[in-house]
Amino acid sequence: MAEKIDKRRYEFCCQYALLGNAEEAAVKAGYPKSTALKNAADCLSDNNCRELITDMTNKLSHTSAVKAGLRRLAFGECSDAVTLAFADELPPPETIRKMNLFNVSEIKRLKGGGMEIKFFDRLKALEKLYELETSENGSNTAAGLIEALTASAQGGDYEDN
């Protein structure tokens, strides 16, 4: 990578390489939810960010859509589902469309009022992800995933601004 990037963009790159979802990666990197899609587009149009994402993705053994989905299940947010569960009234359809309900496996309206929400099992998603990572290239890919996550947590190749 020719130049360093700021901390938030670096975090976006890490999250995008792991999750494969630009808007969700931007929110996890600290961008406001209201501008996350625009911020993600800005990051993805930056050559340094694209180069870093490519490097991270290669270290994670060419992240496939299945692995990205498993990562979203294992590490994804559930705050929108909790908000929906505790809402007095059902939000309008345009609000529901904007909610991140990826981790939700089932929603039921109960006869006496209220709602039942079931989530996908995070541990099963982690187990399947581990199985995929180790079966493809032995333990090297799993080690790469752990290394990338550790580098992100410790603050990797970015500038503090």
C-alpha atoms as a PDB file:
ATOM      1  CA  MET A   1       0.000   0.000   0.000  1.00  0.00           C
ATOM      2  CA  ALA A   2       1.537   3.289  -1.120  1.00  0.00           C
ATOM      3  CA  GLU A   3      -0.012   5.607   1.466  1.00  0.00           C
ATOM      4  CA  LYS A   4      -1.512   5.183   4.898  1.00  0.00           C
ATOM      5  CA  ILE A   5      -5.225   5.761   5.402  1.00  0.00           C
ATOM      6  CA  ASP A   6      -7.063   7.155   8.402  1.00  0.00           C
ATOM      7  CA  LYS A   7      -8.264   4.904  11.207  1.00  0.00           C
ATOM      8  CA  ARG A   8     -11.955   4.926  10.247  1.00  0.00           C
ATOM      9  CA  ARG A   9     -11.251   3.994   6.632  1.00  0.00           C
ATOM     10  CA  TYR A  10      -8.895   1.262   7.789  1.00  0.00           C
ATOM     11  CA  GLU A  11     -11.634  -0.138  10.028  1.00  0.00           C
ATOM     12  CA  PHE A  12     -14.084   0.050   7.095  1.00  0.00           C
ATOM     13  CA  CYS A  13     -11.645  -1.968   4.967  1.00  0.00           C
ATOM     14  CA  CYS A  14     -11.316  -4.620   7.688  1.00  0.00           C
ATOM     15  CA  GLN A  15     -15.069  -4.886   8.150  1.00  0.00           C
ATOM     16  CA  TYR A  16     -15.754  -4.938   4.406  1.00  0.00           C
ATOM     17  CA  ALA A  17     -13.183  -7.710   3.849  1.00  0.00           C
ATOM     18  CA  LEU A  18     -14.818  -9.724   6.629  1.00  0.00           C
ATOM     19  CA  LEU A  19     -18.502  -9.048   5.936  1.00  0.00           C
ATOM     20  CA  GLY A  20     -18.745  -8.248   2.236  1.00  0.00           C
ATOM     21  CA  ASN A  21     -21.475  -5.667   2.946  1.00  0.00           C
ATOM     22  CA  ALA A  22     -20.452  -2.041   2.345  1.00  0.00           C
ATOM     23  CA  GLU A  23     -23.160  -0.281   4.352  1.00  0.00           C
ATOM     24  CA  GLU A  24     -22.828  -2.586   7.359  1.00  0.00           C
ATOM     25  CA  ALA A  25     -19.033  -2.257   7.241  1.00  0.00           C
ATOM     26  CA  ALA A  26     -19.328   1.549   7.259  1.00  0.00           C
ATOM     27  CA  VAL A  27     -21.613   1.509  10.309  1.00  0.00           C
ATOM     28  CA  LYS A  28     -19.280  -0.879  12.144  1.00  0.00           C
ATOM     29  CA  ALA A  29     -16.366   1.422  11.257  1.00  0.00           C
ATOM     30  CA  GLY A  30     -18.115   4.299  13.024  1.00  0.00           C
ATOM     31  CA  TYR A  31     -19.795   6.185  10.209  1.00  0.00           C
ATOM     32  CA  PRO A  32     -23.319   7.463  10.978  1.00  0.00           C
ATOM     33  CA  LYS A  33     -26.040   5.085   9.806  1.00  0.00           C
ATOM     34  CA  SER A  34     -27.733   7.938   7.891  1.00  0.00           C
ATOM     35  CA  THR A  35     -24.658   8.451   5.669  1.00  0.00           C
ATOM     36  CA  ALA A  36     -23.131   4.958   5.812  1.00  0.00           C
ATOM     37  CA  LEU A  37     -23.864   4.051   2.185  1.00  0.00           C
ATOM     38  CA  LYS A  38     -22.322   7.290   0.879  1.00  0.00           C
ATOM     39  CA  ASN A  39     -19.297   6.886   3.170  1.00  0.00           C
ATOM     40  CA  ALA A  40     -18.891   3.289   1.986  1.00  0.00           C
ATOM     41  CA  ALA A  41     -19.000   4.411  -1.647  1.00  0.00           C
ATOM     42  CA  ASP A  42     -16.360   7.061  -0.910  1.00  0.00           C
ATOM     43  CA  CYS A  43     -14.100   4.465   0.713  1.00  0.00           C
ATOM     44  CA  LEU A  44     -14.593   1.985  -2.123  1.00  0.00           C
ATOM     45  CA  SER A  45     -13.712   4.654  -4.695  1.00  0.00           C
ATOM     46  CA  ASP A  46     -10.383   5.354  -2.943  1.00  0.00           C
ATOM     47  CA  ASN A  47      -7.486   3.436  -4.525  1.00  0.00           C
ATOM     48  CA  ASN A  48      -5.694   2.930  -1.196  1.00  0.00           C
ATOM     49  CA  CYS A  49      -8.828   1.455   0.375  1.00  0.00           C
ATOM     50  CA  ARG A  50      -9.437  -0.849  -2.581  1.00  0.00           C
ATOM     51  CA  GLU A  51      -5.817  -2.001  -2.433  1.00  0.00           C
ATOM     52  CA  LEU A  52      -6.067  -2.689   1.307  1.00  0.00           C
ATOM     53  CA  ILE A  53      -9.380  -4.563   0.878  1.00  0.00           C
ATOM     54  CA  THR A  54      -7.855  -6.691  -1.882  1.00  0.00           C
ATOM     55  CA  ASP A  55      -4.867  -7.486   0.319  1.00  0.00           C
ATOM     56  CA  MET A  56      -7.073  -8.397   3.283  1.00  0.00           C
ATOM     57  CA  THR A  57      -9.400 -10.460   1.128  1.00  0.00           C
ATOM     58  CA  ASN A  58      -6.434 -12.389  -0.294  1.00  0.00           C
ATOM     59  CA  LYS A  59      -5.204 -13.068   3.229  1.00  0.00           C
ATOM     60  CA  LEU A  60      -8.652 -14.389   4.054  1.00  0.00           C
ATOM     61  CA  SER A  61      -8.465 -16.827   1.102  1.00  0.00           C
ATOM     62  CA  HIS A  62     -10.608 -15.006  -1.433  1.00  0.00           C
ATOM     63  CA  THR A  63     -13.662 -14.485   0.743  1.00  0.00           C
ATOM     64  CA  SER A  64     -16.657 -16.116  -0.885  1.00  0.00           C
ATOM     65  CA  ALA A  65     -20.277 -15.044  -0.530  1.00  0.00           C
ATOM     66  CA  VAL A  66     -20.902 -18.020   1.768  1.00  0.00           C
ATOM     67  CA  LYS A  67     -18.067 -17.061   4.089  1.00  0.00           C
ATOM     68  CA  ALA A  68     -19.145 -13.418   4.064  1.00  0.00           C
ATOM     69  CA  GLY A  69     -22.665 -14.487   5.010  1.00  0.00           C
ATOM     70  CA  LEU A  70     -21.379 -16.709   7.810  1.00  0.00           C
ATOM     71  CA  ARG A  71     -19.261 -13.819   9.099  1.00  0.00           C
ATOM     72  CA  ARG A  72     -22.321 -11.555   9.097  1.00  0.00           C
ATOM     73  CA  LEU A  73     -24.266 -14.184  11.045  1.00  0.00           C
ATOM     74  CA  ALA A  74     -21.437 -14.705  13.522  1.00  0.00           C
ATOM     75  CA  PHE A  75     -20.467 -11.072  14.084  1.00  0.00           C
ATOM     76  CA  GLY A  76     -23.509  -9.105  12.888  1.00  0.00           C
ATOM     77  CA  GLU A  77     -25.635  -6.655  14.796  1.00  0.00           C
ATOM     78  CA  CYS A  78     -29.052  -7.491  16.189  1.00  0.00           C
ATOM     79  CA  SER A  79     -30.011  -4.039  17.514  1.00  0.00           C
ATOM     80  CA  ASP A  80     -32.577  -3.395  14.751  1.00  0.00           C
ATOM     81  CA  ALA A  81     -34.355  -6.669  15.560  1.00  0.00           C
ATOM     82  CA  VAL A  82     -34.424  -5.778  19.259  1.00  0.00           C
ATOM     83  CA  THR A  83     -35.825  -2.342  18.393  1.00  0.00           C
ATOM     84  CA  LEU A  84     -38.508  -4.020  16.285  1.00  0.00           C
ATOM     85  CA  ALA A  85     -39.367  -6.477  19.074  1.00  0.00           C
ATOM     86  CA  PHE A  86     -39.867  -3.713  21.639  1.00  0.00           C
ATOM     87  CA  ALA A  87     -41.736  -1.284  19.372  1.00  0.00           C
ATOM     88  CA  ASP A  88     -45.296  -0.512  20.493  1.00  0.00           C
ATOM     89  CA  GLU A  89     -46.462  -0.446  16.883  1.00  0.00           C
ATOM     90  CA  LEU A  90     -45.139  -1.993  13.700  1.00  0.00           C
ATOM     91  CA  PRO A  91     -42.909   0.591  11.963  1.00  0.00           C
ATOM     92  CA  PRO A  92     -43.801   1.701   8.419  1.00  0.00           C
ATOM     93  CA  PRO A  93     -42.522  -0.519   5.579  1.00  0.00           C
ATOM     94  CA  GLU A  94     -39.837   2.006   4.515  1.00  0.00           C
ATOM     95  CA  THR A  95     -38.367   1.891   8.044  1.00  0.00           C
ATOM     96  CA  ILE A  96     -38.424  -1.911   8.103  1.00  0.00           C
ATOM     97  CA  ARG A  97     -36.682  -2.045   4.704  1.00  0.00           C
ATOM     98  CA  LYS A  98     -33.791  -0.010   6.166  1.00  0.00           C
ATOM     99  CA  MET A  99     -33.382  -2.313   9.178  1.00  0.00           C
ATOM    100  CA  ASN A 100     -30.559  -4.834   9.315  1.00  0.00           C
ATOM    101  CA  LEU A 101     -32.423  -8.098   9.953  1.00  0.00           C
ATOM    102  CA  PHE A 102     -29.820 -10.401   8.399  1.00  0.00           C
ATOM    103  CA  ASN A 103     -29.396 -12.387  11.646  1.00  0.00           C
ATOM    104  CA  VAL A 104     -33.142 -13.007  11.987  1.00  0.00           C
ATOM    105  CA  SER A 105     -34.320 -16.478  11.012  1.00  0.00           C
ATOM    106  CA  GLU A 106     -38.021 -16.087  11.873  1.00  0.00           C
ATOM    107  CA  ILE A 107     -40.530 -13.435  12.986  1.00  0.00           C
ATOM    108  CA  LYS A 108     -43.985 -14.318  14.331  1.00  0.00           C
ATOM    109  CA  ARG A 109     -46.852 -12.104  15.478  1.00  0.00           C
ATOM    110  CA  LEU A 110     -48.418 -13.636  18.580  1.00  0.00           C
ATOM    111  CA  LYS A 111     -52.209 -13.889  18.961  1.00  0.00           C
ATOM    112  CA  GLY A 112     -52.344 -11.956  22.241  1.00  0.00           C
ATOM    113  CA  GLY A 113     -50.155  -9.206  20.806  1.00  0.00           C
ATOM    114  CA  GLY A 114     -46.426  -8.968  20.753  1.00  0.00           C
ATOM    115  CA  MET A 115     -43.844 -10.563  18.552  1.00  0.00           C
ATOM    116  CA  GLU A 116     -41.468 -13.538  18.619  1.00  0.00           C
ATOM    117  CA  ILE A 117     -38.129 -13.150  16.887  1.00  0.00           C
ATOM    118  CA  LYS A 118     -35.715 -16.037  16.369  1.00  0.00           C
ATOM    119  CA  PHE A 119     -32.077 -15.499  15.425  1.00  0.00           C
ATOM    120  CA  PHE A 120     -29.624 -17.700  13.569  1.00  0.00           C
ATOM    121  CA  ASP A 121     -27.186 -19.501  15.861  1.00  0.00           C
ATOM    122  CA  ARG A 122     -23.918 -17.508  16.024  1.00  0.00           C
ATOM    123  CA  LEU A 123     -21.908 -20.452  17.329  1.00  0.00           C
ATOM    124  CA  LYS A 124     -23.028 -22.683  14.464  1.00  0.00           C
ATOM    125  CA  ALA A 125     -22.067 -19.939  12.011  1.00  0.00           C
ATOM    126  CA  LEU A 126     -18.613 -19.705  13.614  1.00  0.00           C
ATOM    127  CA  GLU A 127     -18.227 -23.483  13.521  1.00  0.00           C
ATOM    128  CA  LYS A 128     -19.161 -23.620   9.823  1.00  0.00           C
ATOM    129  CA  LEU A 129     -16.845 -20.724   9.043  1.00  0.00           C
ATOM    130  CA  TYR A 130     -14.003 -22.462  10.846  1.00  0.00           C
ATOM    131  CA  GLU A 131     -14.727 -25.700   8.973  1.00  0.00           C
ATOM    132  CA  LEU A 132     -14.674 -23.887   5.616  1.00  0.00           C
ATOM    133  CA  GLU A 133     -11.484 -22.013   6.452  1.00  0.00           C
ATOM    134  CA  THR A 134      -9.595 -25.090   7.623  1.00  0.00           C
ATOM    135  CA  SER A 135     -10.850 -27.382   4.866  1.00  0.00           C
ATOM    136  CA  GLU A 136      -9.766 -25.059   2.050  1.00  0.00           C
ATOM    137  CA  ASN A 137      -6.137 -24.486   2.947  1.00  0.00           C
ATOM    138  CA  GLY A 138      -5.515 -26.278   6.185  1.00  0.00           C
ATOM    139  CA  SER A 139      -5.112 -24.129   9.259  1.00  0.00           C
ATOM    140  CA  ASN A 140      -3.279 -21.335   7.375  1.00  0.00           C
ATOM    141  CA  THR A 141      -6.497 -19.622   6.320  1.00  0.00           C
ATOM    142  CA  ALA A 142      -7.983 -19.789   9.805  1.00  0.00           C
ATOM    143  CA  ALA A 143      -4.727 -18.378  11.137  1.00  0.00           C
ATOM    144  CA  GLY A 144      -5.001 -15.565   8.561  1.00  0.00           C
ATOM    145  CA  LEU A 145      -8.515 -14.767   9.764  1.00  0.00           C
ATOM    146  CA  ILE A 146      -7.342 -14.639  13.371  1.00  0.00           C
ATOM    147  CA  GLU A 147      -4.341 -12.506  12.359  1.00  0.00           C
ATOM    148  CA  ALA A 148      -6.548 -10.028  10.460  1.00  0.00           C
ATOM    149  CA  LEU A 149      -8.989  -9.742  13.365  1.00  0.00           C
ATOM    150  CA  THR A 150      -6.136  -9.281  15.835  1.00  0.00           C
ATOM    151  CA  ALA A 151      -4.486  -6.635  13.674  1.00  0.00           C
ATOM    152  CA  SER A 152      -7.783  -4.770  13.438  1.00  0.00           C
ATOM    153  CA  ALA A 153      -8.275  -4.892  17.215  1.00  0.00           C
ATOM    154  CA  GLN A 154      -4.720  -3.706  17.868  1.00  0.00           C
ATOM    155  CA  GLY A 155      -4.887  -0.970  15.233  1.00  0.00           C
ATOM    156  CA  GLY A 156      -3.143  -1.875  12.059  1.00  0.00           C
ATOM    157  CA  ASP A 157      -1.791   0.101   9.131  1.00  0.00           C
ATOM    158  CA  TYR A 158      -3.541   3.436   9.577  1.00  0.00           C
ATOM    159  CA  GLU A 159      -2.910   7.005  10.712  1.00  0.00           C
ATOM    160  CA  ASP A 160      -4.527   8.515  13.804  1.00  0.00           C
ATOM    161  CA  ASN A 161      -6.314  11.737  12.799  1.00  0.00           C
END
